[in-house]
Structures are given as C-alpha cells and as structure tokens.
Amino acid sequence: MSSARALFARRGYAAVSIEEIVRRARVTRGALYHHFEDKADLFGAAFESVQRDLADQLVKAAMAQPDPAKHLAVGCHAFLDACTKPDVQRIVLLDGPAVLGWEAWHESDVNFGLGLLRRSIEAGIEGGTVRRQPVEPLSHLLLGALNGAGLEISRAGDPRHARREIGKALDRLLTGLAPD
C-alpha cells in the first residue's frame, strides 16, 4: 500500500495505473486483488493511512504545546502546514472527495478531525482563549474553514505563500474567538 500511496500523492489517482502499482510494489496483480477489491478500494486504504498519519501529527503538535488553551491554534496551524505536503494535498484534499464520494470523504473527515477540534475548543474555553459558546457548531464551522483553507493551499501555484497568507487569516479568525 505504501507504493500506491506514494504514487497517488505524486501524480494523482487518475494518472496511476494498477500495473504501475503492482510493478512498484513488486507484487502480482492477483496479490493486490486479494487485499483490495479494485483501485478505488486501494485508494481508500491510502486515504485512511494519510488521515491517520495527519491526525497523529496534529495531536503531537498540540501536545508539544504545554498550555492546552493554545492547542486549538497550534493544531490548526499544524493542519495548514500539512496541507503543503503532497500526500495531504493530492490524496486527502484533491482526489479524496472525487474518488471516495463527498459523503464518504466527509464522514472520514469528521471521524478524524472533528473530535480533535472539539477537544481543542473545549480546552480553549476552559483556558480562557475561546469565548464560552456551544462547541459543536463551532467545531463544524472550523472544520469546514480548515478544509477550505487546505484546498486553497493545495491548488495554489505557490503553496508556501498561500499557507503564510491563510495562516495570517487564521490568526485573525482565532483572535475573534477570544473573550472580550
């Protein structure tokens, strides 16, 4: 699966053939089909692998910040940083919704990201960096905003520049959540 993940990240789902995957992985076509129903199923496994790795990266970034009230900002910025990486760009943001379908893509996004956001917002409320408010709607709103930001970074001609500009906008947005 790591061979498929690398190929999907570099060139995209549509440009990668099963023949190329089995050749690079040094397995037979039959062996691949023993584990995966088809190319889309293999992509789904690569997608989940990237999502798991991304969630781990975000948790590690947040946990490196000793003040839980700052986990929201740290985690959001870590997500934007990850959106400059080819596997997150291509597999999760660009090809994921098209290959998996929006519903399945969104369900995975909710499973991997919404809980992290919810916990970070709750910590921000408790730590005084986020104004008291219902957590669930804010979690969904931020998840959508981060996905839109990530997509913009992924489509940009200069992803690093886009990341910097979006990071500034994110800081302004998060500042607006602070208590008065």
N, C-alpha and C. Protein backbone atom coordinates (compact mmCIF):
# COMPACT_ATOMS: atom_id res chain seq x y z
N MET A 1 0.81 -1.19 0.00
CA MET A 1 0.00 0.00 0.00
C MET A 1 0.86 1.26 0.00
N SER A 2 2.06 1.18 0.58
CA SER A 2 2.92 2.37 0.60
C SER A 2 3.32 2.79 -0.80
N SER A 3 3.48 1.82 -1.69
CA SER A 3 3.81 2.16 -3.09
C SER A 3 2.66 2.92 -3.74
N ALA A 4 1.45 2.45 -3.51
CA ALA A 4 0.28 3.12 -4.08
C ALA A 4 0.14 4.52 -3.48
N ARG A 5 0.34 4.63 -2.18
CA ARG A 5 0.22 5.94 -1.52
C ARG A 5 1.21 6.93 -2.12
N ALA A 6 2.45 6.50 -2.32
CA ALA A 6 3.47 7.39 -2.89
C ALA A 6 3.10 7.81 -4.31
N LEU A 7 2.62 6.86 -5.11
CA LEU A 7 2.24 7.18 -6.49
C LEU A 7 1.02 8.10 -6.53
N PHE A 8 0.00 7.81 -5.72
CA PHE A 8 -1.19 8.66 -5.68
C PHE A 8 -0.82 10.07 -5.24
N ALA A 9 0.09 10.18 -4.27
CA ALA A 9 0.49 11.51 -3.77
C ALA A 9 1.24 12.30 -4.83
N ARG A 10 2.07 11.61 -5.59
CA ARG A 10 2.90 12.31 -6.58
C ARG A 10 2.12 12.69 -7.82
N ARG A 11 1.28 11.76 -8.33
CA ARG A 11 0.68 12.01 -9.63
C ARG A 11 -0.84 12.06 -9.64
N GLY A 12 -1.47 11.62 -8.57
CA GLY A 12 -2.93 11.63 -8.51
C GLY A 12 -3.53 10.31 -8.93
N TYR A 13 -4.72 10.08 -8.45
CA TYR A 13 -5.44 8.82 -8.68
C TYR A 13 -5.58 8.49 -10.16
N ALA A 14 -6.05 9.44 -10.93
CA ALA A 14 -6.36 9.17 -12.34
C ALA A 14 -5.11 8.82 -13.16
N ALA A 15 -3.96 9.33 -12.77
CA ALA A 15 -2.74 9.13 -13.56
C ALA A 15 -1.96 7.88 -13.17
N VAL A 16 -2.45 7.14 -12.20
CA VAL A 16 -1.73 5.95 -11.72
C VAL A 16 -2.51 4.70 -12.12
N SER A 17 -1.82 3.76 -12.73
CA SER A 17 -2.47 2.51 -13.15
C SER A 17 -2.18 1.39 -12.14
N ILE A 18 -3.05 0.41 -12.14
CA ILE A 18 -2.83 -0.78 -11.30
C ILE A 18 -1.52 -1.45 -11.69
N GLU A 19 -1.22 -1.50 -12.98
CA GLU A 19 0.02 -2.13 -13.44
C GLU A 19 1.24 -1.45 -12.83
N GLU A 20 1.20 -0.14 -12.79
CA GLU A 20 2.31 0.61 -12.21
C GLU A 20 2.43 0.34 -10.71
N ILE A 21 1.31 0.24 -10.03
CA ILE A 21 1.32 -0.02 -8.59
C ILE A 21 1.92 -1.39 -8.30
N VAL A 22 1.45 -2.42 -9.00
CA VAL A 22 1.97 -3.77 -8.72
C VAL A 22 3.44 -3.88 -9.09
N ARG A 23 3.84 -3.22 -10.15
CA ARG A 23 5.26 -3.23 -10.55
C ARG A 23 6.13 -2.58 -9.46
N ARG A 24 5.70 -1.43 -8.99
CA ARG A 24 6.48 -0.72 -7.97
C ARG A 24 6.48 -1.48 -6.64
N ALA A 25 5.34 -2.09 -6.30
CA ALA A 25 5.24 -2.83 -5.03
C ALA A 25 5.85 -4.22 -5.12
N ARG A 26 6.19 -4.64 -6.34
CA ARG A 26 6.77 -5.97 -6.59
C ARG A 26 5.83 -7.08 -6.10
N VAL A 27 4.56 -6.94 -6.46
CA VAL A 27 3.56 -7.97 -6.16
C VAL A 27 2.82 -8.29 -7.46
N THR A 28 2.10 -9.39 -7.44
CA THR A 28 1.30 -9.73 -8.62
C THR A 28 -0.02 -9.00 -8.55
N ARG A 29 -0.64 -8.91 -9.68
CA ARG A 29 -1.97 -8.30 -9.75
C ARG A 29 -2.94 -9.09 -8.86
N GLY A 30 -2.81 -10.40 -8.88
CA GLY A 30 -3.66 -11.26 -8.04
C GLY A 30 -3.47 -10.98 -6.55
N ALA A 31 -2.23 -10.76 -6.15
CA ALA A 31 -1.96 -10.45 -4.74
C ALA A 31 -2.63 -9.14 -4.35
N LEU A 32 -2.56 -8.16 -5.23
CA LEU A 32 -3.20 -6.88 -4.95
C LEU A 32 -4.70 -7.07 -4.81
N TYR A 33 -5.30 -7.81 -5.73
CA TYR A 33 -6.75 -8.01 -5.69
C TYR A 33 -7.18 -8.94 -4.57
N HIS A 34 -6.24 -9.67 -3.99
CA HIS A 34 -6.56 -10.48 -2.81
C HIS A 34 -6.85 -9.56 -1.62
N HIS A 35 -6.19 -8.42 -1.56
CA HIS A 35 -6.33 -7.50 -0.44
C HIS A 35 -7.28 -6.33 -0.73
N PHE A 36 -7.39 -5.96 -1.99
CA PHE A 36 -8.21 -4.81 -2.36
C PHE A 36 -9.13 -5.18 -3.50
N GLU A 37 -10.37 -4.70 -3.41
CA GLU A 37 -11.38 -5.01 -4.42
C GLU A 37 -11.01 -4.42 -5.78
N ASP A 38 -10.52 -3.20 -5.78
CA ASP A 38 -10.17 -2.52 -7.01
C ASP A 38 -9.27 -1.32 -6.68
N LYS A 39 -8.95 -0.54 -7.67
CA LYS A 39 -8.07 0.61 -7.48
C LYS A 39 -8.68 1.62 -6.50
N ALA A 40 -9.98 1.82 -6.57
CA ALA A 40 -10.64 2.75 -5.66
C ALA A 40 -10.55 2.26 -4.21
N ASP A 41 -10.66 0.97 -4.00
CA ASP A 41 -10.52 0.40 -2.66
C ASP A 41 -9.10 0.60 -2.14
N LEU A 42 -8.12 0.41 -2.99
CA LEU A 42 -6.72 0.66 -2.63
C LEU A 42 -6.52 2.14 -2.30
N PHE A 43 -7.11 3.01 -3.10
CA PHE A 43 -7.02 4.44 -2.81
C PHE A 43 -7.65 4.75 -1.45
N GLY A 44 -8.78 4.13 -1.16
CA GLY A 44 -9.44 4.34 0.13
C GLY A 44 -8.53 3.97 1.30
N ALA A 45 -7.78 2.89 1.14
CA ALA A 45 -6.83 2.49 2.19
C ALA A 45 -5.69 3.51 2.31
N ALA A 46 -5.20 4.00 1.17
CA ALA A 46 -4.16 5.03 1.19
C ALA A 46 -4.69 6.31 1.84
N PHE A 47 -5.91 6.68 1.50
CA PHE A 47 -6.56 7.85 2.06
C PHE A 47 -6.64 7.74 3.59
N GLU A 48 -7.12 6.60 4.08
CA GLU A 48 -7.22 6.42 5.53
C GLU A 48 -5.86 6.45 6.20
N SER A 49 -4.86 5.92 5.53
CA SER A 49 -3.49 5.95 6.06
C SER A 49 -3.01 7.39 6.21
N VAL A 50 -3.25 8.21 5.21
CA VAL A 50 -2.86 9.62 5.28
C VAL A 50 -3.65 10.32 6.38
N GLN A 51 -4.95 10.05 6.47
CA GLN A 51 -5.78 10.67 7.50
C GLN A 51 -5.28 10.31 8.90
N ARG A 52 -4.94 9.03 9.11
CA ARG A 52 -4.42 8.59 10.42
C ARG A 52 -3.11 9.30 10.74
N ASP A 53 -2.20 9.33 9.77
CA ASP A 53 -0.92 10.00 9.98
C ASP A 53 -1.12 11.49 10.27
N LEU A 54 -2.03 12.11 9.55
CA LEU A 54 -2.32 13.52 9.76
C LEU A 54 -2.86 13.76 11.17
N ALA A 55 -3.80 12.95 11.59
CA ALA A 55 -4.35 13.10 12.94
C ALA A 55 -3.25 12.94 13.99
N ASP A 56 -2.37 11.96 13.78
CA ASP A 56 -1.24 11.77 14.71
C ASP A 56 -0.34 13.01 14.75
N GLN A 57 -0.07 13.58 13.59
CA GLN A 57 0.78 14.78 13.53
C GLN A 57 0.14 15.95 14.26
N LEU A 58 -1.16 16.10 14.10
CA LEU A 58 -1.86 17.21 14.74
C LEU A 58 -1.88 17.05 16.26
N VAL A 59 -2.10 15.83 16.72
CA VAL A 59 -2.09 15.57 18.16
C VAL A 59 -0.69 15.83 18.72
N LYS A 60 0.34 15.35 18.04
CA LYS A 60 1.72 15.57 18.51
C LYS A 60 2.05 17.06 18.57
N ALA A 61 1.64 17.80 17.57
CA ALA A 61 1.91 19.24 17.56
C ALA A 61 1.22 19.92 18.73
N ALA A 62 -0.04 19.58 18.94
CA ALA A 62 -0.79 20.20 20.04
C ALA A 62 -0.19 19.81 21.39
N MET A 63 0.18 18.55 21.56
CA MET A 63 0.71 18.08 22.84
C MET A 63 2.09 18.66 23.13
N ALA A 64 2.79 19.10 22.10
CA ALA A 64 4.09 19.74 22.32
C ALA A 64 3.92 21.12 22.95
N GLN A 65 2.71 21.67 22.87
CA GLN A 65 2.39 22.96 23.49
C GLN A 65 1.89 22.66 24.91
N PRO A 66 2.62 23.09 25.93
CA PRO A 66 2.23 22.75 27.30
C PRO A 66 0.92 23.38 27.77
N ASP A 67 0.50 24.46 27.14
CA ASP A 67 -0.74 25.14 27.54
C ASP A 67 -1.90 24.62 26.69
N PRO A 68 -2.79 23.79 27.27
CA PRO A 68 -3.92 23.25 26.49
C PRO A 68 -4.80 24.33 25.87
N ALA A 69 -4.82 25.51 26.45
CA ALA A 69 -5.64 26.59 25.89
C ALA A 69 -5.13 27.04 24.53
N LYS A 70 -3.89 26.69 24.20
CA LYS A 70 -3.30 27.06 22.91
C LYS A 70 -3.32 25.91 21.89
N HIS A 71 -3.86 24.77 22.28
CA HIS A 71 -3.89 23.62 21.38
C HIS A 71 -4.68 23.88 20.10
N LEU A 72 -5.74 24.66 20.20
CA LEU A 72 -6.55 24.95 19.01
C LEU A 72 -5.71 25.65 17.95
N ALA A 73 -5.03 26.72 18.32
CA ALA A 73 -4.22 27.46 17.36
C ALA A 73 -3.08 26.60 16.83
N VAL A 74 -2.42 25.88 17.72
CA VAL A 74 -1.28 25.04 17.30
C VAL A 74 -1.77 23.96 16.33
N GLY A 75 -2.87 23.30 16.67
CA GLY A 75 -3.40 22.24 15.81
C GLY A 75 -3.85 22.75 14.46
N CYS A 76 -4.52 23.91 14.45
CA CYS A 76 -4.97 24.49 13.18
C CYS A 76 -3.78 24.85 12.29
N HIS A 77 -2.76 25.44 12.88
CA HIS A 77 -1.57 25.78 12.09
C HIS A 77 -0.83 24.52 11.63
N ALA A 78 -0.80 23.50 12.45
CA ALA A 78 -0.17 22.23 12.04
C ALA A 78 -0.93 21.64 10.84
N PHE A 79 -2.26 21.77 10.84
CA PHE A 79 -3.03 21.29 9.70
C PHE A 79 -2.67 22.07 8.43
N LEU A 80 -2.58 23.39 8.55
CA LEU A 80 -2.20 24.19 7.37
C LEU A 80 -0.81 23.81 6.87
N ASP A 81 0.12 23.56 7.79
CA ASP A 81 1.46 23.10 7.39
C ASP A 81 1.37 21.78 6.64
N ALA A 82 0.55 20.87 7.13
CA ALA A 82 0.40 19.56 6.48
C ALA A 82 -0.17 19.69 5.07
N CYS A 83 -0.95 20.74 4.84
CA CYS A 83 -1.57 20.95 3.53
C CYS A 83 -0.56 21.37 2.47
N THR A 84 0.68 21.59 2.86
CA THR A 84 1.73 21.86 1.87
C THR A 84 2.41 20.57 1.43
N LYS A 85 2.05 19.43 2.03
CA LYS A 85 2.65 18.13 1.73
C LYS A 85 1.86 17.43 0.62
N PRO A 86 2.56 16.80 -0.33
CA PRO A 86 1.87 16.18 -1.47
C PRO A 86 0.82 15.13 -1.11
N ASP A 87 1.07 14.29 -0.09
CA ASP A 87 0.07 13.25 0.19
C ASP A 87 -1.21 13.85 0.75
N VAL A 88 -1.11 14.86 1.59
CA VAL A 88 -2.33 15.50 2.11
C VAL A 88 -3.01 16.28 0.98
N GLN A 89 -2.23 17.01 0.21
CA GLN A 89 -2.81 17.79 -0.89
C GLN A 89 -3.58 16.90 -1.86
N ARG A 90 -2.87 15.95 -2.42
CA ARG A 90 -3.44 15.18 -3.52
C ARG A 90 -4.43 14.13 -3.03
N ILE A 91 -4.04 13.33 -2.03
CA ILE A 91 -4.88 12.21 -1.62
C ILE A 91 -6.08 12.66 -0.81
N VAL A 92 -5.87 13.52 0.17
CA VAL A 92 -6.96 13.90 1.06
C VAL A 92 -7.83 15.01 0.47
N LEU A 93 -7.19 16.08 0.00
CA LEU A 93 -7.98 17.27 -0.38
C LEU A 93 -8.44 17.29 -1.82
N LEU A 94 -7.59 16.89 -2.74
CA LEU A 94 -7.95 17.00 -4.15
C LEU A 94 -8.67 15.76 -4.68
N ASP A 95 -8.06 14.58 -4.51
CA ASP A 95 -8.65 13.37 -5.07
C ASP A 95 -9.66 12.70 -4.15
N GLY A 96 -9.49 12.86 -2.83
CA GLY A 96 -10.35 12.17 -1.87
C GLY A 96 -11.84 12.34 -2.13
N PRO A 97 -12.34 13.58 -2.22
CA PRO A 97 -13.78 13.74 -2.44
C PRO A 97 -14.26 13.16 -3.77
N ALA A 98 -13.43 13.26 -4.80
CA ALA A 98 -13.82 12.77 -6.13
C ALA A 98 -13.84 11.24 -6.18
N VAL A 99 -12.82 10.61 -5.61
CA VAL A 99 -12.71 9.15 -5.70
C VAL A 99 -13.64 8.46 -4.71
N LEU A 100 -13.67 8.95 -3.48
CA LEU A 100 -14.48 8.30 -2.44
C LEU A 100 -15.93 8.74 -2.48
N GLY A 101 -16.19 9.89 -3.06
CA GLY A 101 -17.52 10.50 -2.99
C GLY A 101 -17.54 11.44 -1.79
N TRP A 102 -18.28 12.53 -1.92
CA TRP A 102 -18.26 13.55 -0.89
C TRP A 102 -18.72 13.02 0.46
N GLU A 103 -19.75 12.20 0.49
CA GLU A 103 -20.28 11.69 1.76
C GLU A 103 -19.23 10.88 2.51
N ALA A 104 -18.58 9.94 1.83
CA ALA A 104 -17.56 9.12 2.49
C ALA A 104 -16.36 9.96 2.90
N TRP A 105 -15.96 10.91 2.03
CA TRP A 105 -14.85 11.80 2.37
C TRP A 105 -15.19 12.61 3.62
N HIS A 106 -16.37 13.18 3.64
CA HIS A 106 -16.79 14.00 4.78
C HIS A 106 -16.89 13.16 6.06
N GLU A 107 -17.42 11.97 5.96
CA GLU A 107 -17.52 11.09 7.12
C GLU A 107 -16.14 10.79 7.71
N SER A 108 -15.18 10.52 6.84
CA SER A 108 -13.81 10.27 7.31
C SER A 108 -13.24 11.52 7.95
N ASP A 109 -13.49 12.66 7.35
CA ASP A 109 -13.00 13.92 7.88
C ASP A 109 -13.58 14.18 9.27
N VAL A 110 -14.85 13.92 9.43
CA VAL A 110 -15.50 14.08 10.72
C VAL A 110 -14.89 13.10 11.73
N ASN A 111 -14.69 11.86 11.32
CA ASN A 111 -14.13 10.84 12.21
C ASN A 111 -12.73 11.20 12.68
N PHE A 112 -11.92 11.73 11.79
CA PHE A 112 -10.53 12.02 12.14
C PHE A 112 -10.33 13.42 12.71
N GLY A 113 -11.09 14.40 12.25
CA GLY A 113 -10.80 15.78 12.61
C GLY A 113 -11.73 16.45 13.59
N LEU A 114 -12.99 16.10 13.55
CA LEU A 114 -13.96 16.84 14.36
C LEU A 114 -13.70 16.69 15.86
N GLY A 115 -13.40 15.49 16.30
CA GLY A 115 -13.13 15.27 17.72
C GLY A 115 -11.92 16.05 18.21
N LEU A 116 -10.88 16.12 17.36
CA LEU A 116 -9.69 16.89 17.72
C LEU A 116 -10.05 18.37 17.89
N LEU A 117 -10.82 18.89 16.96
CA LEU A 117 -11.24 20.28 17.05
C LEU A 117 -12.10 20.51 18.29
N ARG A 118 -13.04 19.62 18.51
CA ARG A 118 -13.94 19.76 19.65
C ARG A 118 -13.15 19.82 20.96
N ARG A 119 -12.22 18.90 21.14
CA ARG A 119 -11.42 18.89 22.37
C ARG A 119 -10.56 20.15 22.50
N SER A 120 -10.02 20.61 21.38
CA SER A 120 -9.19 21.82 21.42
C SER A 120 -10.01 23.06 21.74
N ILE A 121 -11.20 23.13 21.21
CA ILE A 121 -12.09 24.26 21.52
C ILE A 121 -12.48 24.22 22.99
N GLU A 122 -12.82 23.05 23.49
CA GLU A 122 -13.18 22.92 24.91
C GLU A 122 -12.01 23.35 25.80
N ALA A 123 -10.79 22.96 25.43
CA ALA A 123 -9.62 23.37 26.21
C ALA A 123 -9.42 24.88 26.12
N GLY A 124 -9.69 25.45 24.96
CA GLY A 124 -9.58 26.90 24.80
C GLY A 124 -10.60 27.64 25.64
N ILE A 125 -11.82 27.11 25.71
CA ILE A 125 -12.85 27.72 26.55
C ILE A 125 -12.43 27.65 28.01
N GLU A 126 -11.99 26.48 28.44
CA GLU A 126 -11.57 26.31 29.83
C GLU A 126 -10.34 27.16 30.16
N GLY A 127 -9.45 27.33 29.18
CA GLY A 127 -8.23 28.09 29.41
C GLY A 127 -8.35 29.58 29.16
N GLY A 128 -9.53 30.01 28.70
CA GLY A 128 -9.76 31.44 28.52
C GLY A 128 -9.32 32.03 27.19
N THR A 129 -8.96 31.19 26.22
CA THR A 129 -8.57 31.73 24.91
C THR A 129 -9.74 31.73 23.93
N VAL A 130 -10.83 31.02 24.27
CA VAL A 130 -12.03 30.98 23.42
C VAL A 130 -13.22 31.34 24.30
N ARG A 131 -14.03 32.26 23.80
CA ARG A 131 -15.25 32.69 24.50
C ARG A 131 -16.19 31.50 24.66
N ARG A 132 -16.86 31.43 25.82
CA ARG A 132 -17.85 30.36 26.08
C ARG A 132 -18.94 30.41 25.01
N GLN A 133 -19.20 29.26 24.45
CA GLN A 133 -20.22 29.14 23.41
C GLN A 133 -20.45 27.67 23.14
N PRO A 134 -21.50 27.33 22.40
CA PRO A 134 -21.71 25.92 22.05
C PRO A 134 -20.54 25.40 21.20
N VAL A 135 -19.98 24.30 21.60
CA VAL A 135 -18.76 23.77 20.98
C VAL A 135 -19.05 23.08 19.64
N GLU A 136 -20.16 22.37 19.56
CA GLU A 136 -20.43 21.57 18.36
C GLU A 136 -20.53 22.42 17.08
N PRO A 137 -21.34 23.49 17.07
CA PRO A 137 -21.41 24.27 15.82
C PRO A 137 -20.07 24.91 15.46
N LEU A 138 -19.33 25.38 16.47
CA LEU A 138 -18.04 25.99 16.18
C LEU A 138 -17.07 24.95 15.63
N SER A 139 -17.12 23.73 16.14
CA SER A 139 -16.26 22.65 15.63
C SER A 139 -16.52 22.39 14.16
N HIS A 140 -17.80 22.30 13.80
CA HIS A 140 -18.15 22.06 12.38
C HIS A 140 -17.74 23.24 11.50
N LEU A 141 -17.94 24.44 12.00
CA LEU A 141 -17.58 25.64 11.25
C LEU A 141 -16.07 25.68 11.00
N LEU A 142 -15.28 25.44 12.04
CA LEU A 142 -13.82 25.45 11.87
C LEU A 142 -13.34 24.32 10.98
N LEU A 143 -13.96 23.15 11.08
CA LEU A 143 -13.57 22.03 10.22
C LEU A 143 -13.78 22.41 8.76
N GLY A 144 -14.91 23.03 8.45
CA GLY A 144 -15.16 23.47 7.07
C GLY A 144 -14.18 24.55 6.63
N ALA A 145 -13.90 25.49 7.52
CA ALA A 145 -12.95 26.55 7.18
C ALA A 145 -11.55 25.99 6.94
N LEU A 146 -11.13 25.06 7.77
CA LEU A 146 -9.80 24.46 7.60
C LEU A 146 -9.73 23.64 6.31
N ASN A 147 -10.80 22.92 5.99
CA ASN A 147 -10.80 22.17 4.73
C ASN A 147 -10.73 23.10 3.53
N GLY A 148 -11.48 24.20 3.59
CA GLY A 148 -11.42 25.18 2.51
C GLY A 148 -10.05 25.80 2.39
N ALA A 149 -9.45 26.10 3.52
CA ALA A 149 -8.10 26.66 3.53
C ALA A 149 -7.10 25.66 2.96
N GLY A 150 -7.23 24.41 3.38
CA GLY A 150 -6.34 23.37 2.88
C GLY A 150 -6.46 23.19 1.38
N LEU A 151 -7.68 23.24 0.88
CA LEU A 151 -7.90 23.12 -0.56
C LEU A 151 -7.28 24.29 -1.30
N GLU A 152 -7.41 25.48 -0.75
CA GLU A 152 -6.80 26.66 -1.37
C GLU A 152 -5.28 26.53 -1.42
N ILE A 153 -4.68 26.06 -0.34
CA ILE A 153 -3.23 25.83 -0.31
C ILE A 153 -2.85 24.79 -1.36
N SER A 154 -3.63 23.72 -1.45
CA SER A 154 -3.34 22.64 -2.40
C SER A 154 -3.42 23.09 -3.85
N ARG A 155 -4.31 23.99 -4.15
CA ARG A 155 -4.50 24.44 -5.54
C ARG A 155 -3.60 25.62 -5.91
N ALA A 156 -2.95 26.20 -4.93
CA ALA A 156 -2.16 27.41 -5.17
C ALA A 156 -0.92 27.12 -6.01
N GLY A 157 -0.55 28.07 -6.84
CA GLY A 157 0.69 27.97 -7.60
C GLY A 157 1.90 27.97 -6.68
N ASP A 158 1.80 28.66 -5.57
CA ASP A 158 2.86 28.72 -4.56
C ASP A 158 2.23 28.35 -3.21
N PRO A 159 2.19 27.04 -2.90
CA PRO A 159 1.54 26.60 -1.67
C PRO A 159 2.12 27.21 -0.39
N ARG A 160 3.42 27.44 -0.36
CA ARG A 160 4.04 28.02 0.84
C ARG A 160 3.55 29.47 1.06
N HIS A 161 3.46 30.23 -0.01
CA HIS A 161 2.95 31.60 0.09
C HIS A 161 1.47 31.57 0.53
N ALA A 162 0.70 30.70 -0.10
CA ALA A 162 -0.72 30.59 0.27
C ALA A 162 -0.86 30.19 1.73
N ARG A 163 -0.01 29.28 2.19
CA ARG A 163 -0.06 28.84 3.58
C ARG A 163 0.21 30.02 4.53
N ARG A 164 1.20 30.84 4.19
CA ARG A 164 1.51 32.01 5.04
C ARG A 164 0.33 32.97 5.12
N GLU A 165 -0.26 33.27 3.96
CA GLU A 165 -1.38 34.21 3.92
C GLU A 165 -2.60 33.66 4.65
N ILE A 166 -2.88 32.39 4.44
CA ILE A 166 -4.02 31.77 5.12
C ILE A 166 -3.74 31.67 6.61
N GLY A 167 -2.50 31.45 6.98
CA GLY A 167 -2.14 31.43 8.40
C GLY A 167 -2.43 32.75 9.08
N LYS A 168 -2.15 33.85 8.39
CA LYS A 168 -2.46 35.17 8.95
C LYS A 168 -3.97 35.34 9.14
N ALA A 169 -4.73 34.91 8.15
CA ALA A 169 -6.19 35.00 8.25
C ALA A 169 -6.71 34.10 9.38
N LEU A 170 -6.11 32.93 9.53
CA LEU A 170 -6.49 32.03 10.61
C LEU A 170 -6.24 32.69 11.97
N ASP A 171 -5.11 33.34 12.11
CA ASP A 171 -4.82 34.02 13.37
C ASP A 171 -5.87 35.09 13.69
N ARG A 172 -6.28 35.83 12.66
CA ARG A 172 -7.32 36.85 12.87
C ARG A 172 -8.65 36.19 13.27
N LEU A 173 -8.97 35.10 12.63
CA LEU A 173 -10.20 34.38 12.97
C LEU A 173 -10.16 33.87 14.40
N LEU A 174 -9.06 33.24 14.79
CA LEU A 174 -8.95 32.71 16.15
C LEU A 174 -8.95 33.82 17.20
N THR A 175 -8.34 34.95 16.88
CA THR A 175 -8.36 36.10 17.78
C THR A 175 -9.80 36.56 18.01
N GLY A 176 -10.62 36.46 16.98
CA GLY A 176 -12.03 36.84 17.09
C GLY A 176 -12.84 35.91 18.00
N LEU A 177 -12.30 34.74 18.31
CA LEU A 177 -12.99 33.81 19.22
C LEU A 177 -12.68 34.09 20.68
N ALA A 178 -11.70 34.95 20.93
CA ALA A 178 -11.28 35.23 22.31
C ALA A 178 -12.38 35.98 23.07
N PRO A 179 -12.42 35.77 24.38
CA PRO A 179 -13.39 36.54 25.18
C PRO A 179 -13.11 38.04 25.06
N ASP A 180 -14.14 38.84 25.21
CA ASP A 180 -13.99 40.29 25.11
C ASP A 180 -13.21 40.87 26.27
